Protein backbone atom coordinates (compact mmCIF):
# COMPACT_ATOMS: atom_id res chain seq x y z
CA UNK A 1 183.44 44.31 123.27
CA UNK A 2 182.70 46.49 126.25
CA UNK A 3 184.56 45.85 129.45
CA UNK A 4 184.61 47.33 132.93
CA UNK A 5 187.37 46.43 135.39
CA UNK A 6 186.59 47.55 138.91
CA UNK A 7 189.32 47.57 141.55
CA UNK A 8 190.23 49.05 144.91
CA UNK A 9 187.90 47.11 147.12
CA UNK A 10 188.97 45.18 150.16
CA UNK A 11 188.57 44.83 153.90
CA UNK A 12 188.38 48.02 155.91
CA UNK A 13 187.39 48.83 159.48
CA UNK A 14 184.30 50.94 160.20
CA UNK A 15 185.19 54.58 159.70
CA UNK A 16 187.88 53.75 157.17
CA UNK A 17 188.24 54.81 153.56
CA UNK A 18 188.65 53.19 150.17
CA UNK A 19 189.10 54.55 146.67
CA UNK A 20 187.50 52.46 143.95
CA UNK A 21 188.52 52.64 140.31
CA UNK A 22 186.71 51.46 137.22
CA UNK A 23 188.62 51.22 133.95
CA UNK A 24 186.37 51.11 130.90
CA UNK A 25 187.17 49.94 127.39
CA UNK A 26 185.18 49.35 124.25
CA UNK A 27 182.53 51.91 125.29
CA UNK A 28 181.57 55.44 124.41
CA UNK A 29 182.91 57.07 127.55
CA UNK A 30 183.45 60.78 127.10
CA UNK A 31 179.92 61.60 125.98
CA UNK A 32 178.13 59.37 128.48
CA UNK A 33 177.23 59.71 132.12
CA UNK A 34 178.87 57.29 134.53
CA UNK A 35 177.54 55.53 137.59
CA UNK A 36 178.64 53.42 140.53
CA UNK A 37 176.26 50.80 141.86
CA UNK A 38 176.38 48.24 144.62
CA UNK A 39 174.75 44.92 145.28
CA UNK A 40 174.71 43.19 148.63
CA UNK A 41 173.77 39.50 149.03
CA UNK A 42 170.01 39.04 148.78
CA UNK A 43 169.42 42.66 147.83
CA UNK A 44 168.75 44.46 144.57
CA UNK A 45 171.44 46.45 142.86
CA UNK A 46 171.22 50.13 143.83
CA UNK A 47 172.71 53.33 142.53
CA UNK A 48 175.49 54.73 144.69
CA UNK A 49 176.56 57.76 142.64
CA UNK A 50 176.25 59.19 139.17
CA UNK A 51 178.19 61.84 137.29
CA UNK A 52 177.12 63.51 134.06
CA UNK A 53 179.17 63.48 130.87
CA UNK A 54 180.37 67.06 131.33
CA UNK A 55 181.02 66.63 135.04
CA UNK A 56 178.54 69.31 136.02
CA UNK A 57 175.89 67.17 137.67
CA UNK A 58 176.14 64.51 140.36
CA UNK A 59 173.65 62.54 142.34
CA UNK A 60 174.14 60.17 145.26
CA UNK A 61 172.07 57.57 147.00
CA UNK A 62 170.39 58.84 150.15
CA UNK A 63 172.53 56.50 152.21
CA UNK A 64 175.74 58.23 151.09
CA UNK A 65 175.07 61.35 153.20
CA UNK A 66 178.17 63.21 152.03
CA UNK A 67 180.61 60.35 152.60
CA UNK A 68 181.41 59.44 148.94
CA UNK A 69 182.69 61.40 145.95
CA UNK A 70 182.44 60.26 142.34
CA UNK A 71 184.86 61.54 139.73
CA UNK A 72 186.01 60.69 136.23
CA UNK A 73 189.08 60.90 134.03
CA UNK A 74 187.99 60.92 130.40
CA UNK A 75 191.53 60.55 129.05
CA UNK A 76 191.95 57.34 131.03
CA UNK A 77 188.33 56.25 130.59
CA UNK A 78 188.24 55.67 134.32
CA UNK A 79 185.66 56.38 137.00
CA UNK A 80 186.56 56.76 140.67
CA UNK A 81 184.62 56.52 143.90
CA UNK A 82 186.22 57.91 147.02
CA UNK A 83 184.47 56.37 150.01
CA UNK A 84 185.01 57.77 153.49
CA UNK A 85 183.59 56.90 156.90
CA UNK A 86 182.59 53.44 155.70
CA UNK A 87 179.95 51.57 157.63
CA UNK A 88 179.16 47.84 157.87
CA UNK A 89 176.01 48.47 155.83
CA UNK A 90 178.22 49.62 152.93
CA UNK A 91 179.43 46.04 152.42
CA UNK A 92 178.62 44.96 148.88
CA UNK A 93 180.03 44.32 145.44
CA UNK A 94 180.54 47.66 143.74
CA UNK A 95 180.12 47.95 139.97
CA UNK A 96 180.27 50.73 137.41
CA UNK A 97 178.69 51.43 134.05
CA UNK A 98 178.10 54.21 131.54
CA UNK A 99 175.12 55.42 129.56
CA UNK A 100 172.60 58.21 129.16
CA UNK A 101 171.84 60.06 132.38
CA UNK A 102 168.30 58.72 132.60
CA UNK A 103 169.50 55.17 132.05
CA UNK A 104 172.17 55.49 134.75
CA UNK A 105 169.66 56.87 137.26
CA UNK A 106 167.15 54.15 136.41
CA UNK A 107 169.77 51.42 136.75
CA UNK A 108 169.49 50.40 133.10
CA UNK A 109 172.81 51.47 131.60
CA UNK A 110 173.93 50.77 128.10
CA UNK A 111 176.54 48.08 128.56
CA UNK A 112 176.99 44.69 130.19
CA UNK A 113 178.22 44.60 133.77
CA UNK A 114 181.72 43.79 134.91
CA UNK A 115 182.64 41.57 137.85
CA UNK A 116 182.73 44.36 140.37
CA UNK A 117 184.96 44.80 143.40
CA UNK A 118 184.08 43.56 146.87
CA UNK A 119 183.98 46.01 149.76
CA UNK A 120 183.95 44.51 153.24
CA UNK A 121 183.58 46.70 156.30
CA UNK A 122 184.27 44.92 159.53
CA UNK A 123 186.26 45.28 162.71
């Protein structure tokens, strides 16, 4: 049974930083691309960042503008998202998943979603 456990979210002031982690189990991790997504209340889920299986290719949502970095640790089956200079509009539940590159970009990854981790940006 696939499982994603996202962590690292919390309350941060505008301009602050957070590092999110996503521990995966029961999935084919090493040979798949990975992605972070976010969903704010009343809005559709959107891709935040994606990283290819070999680590050579990344893509970020236009709203990231150089503030976030996605990385992966295949041995730990874990995906990370370093988020800097957070803004109130970054508030959302952040989720991760794995799958083929095209599926990650399209928002249709292979596995079921986890619970996500809440990021709140407020002064």
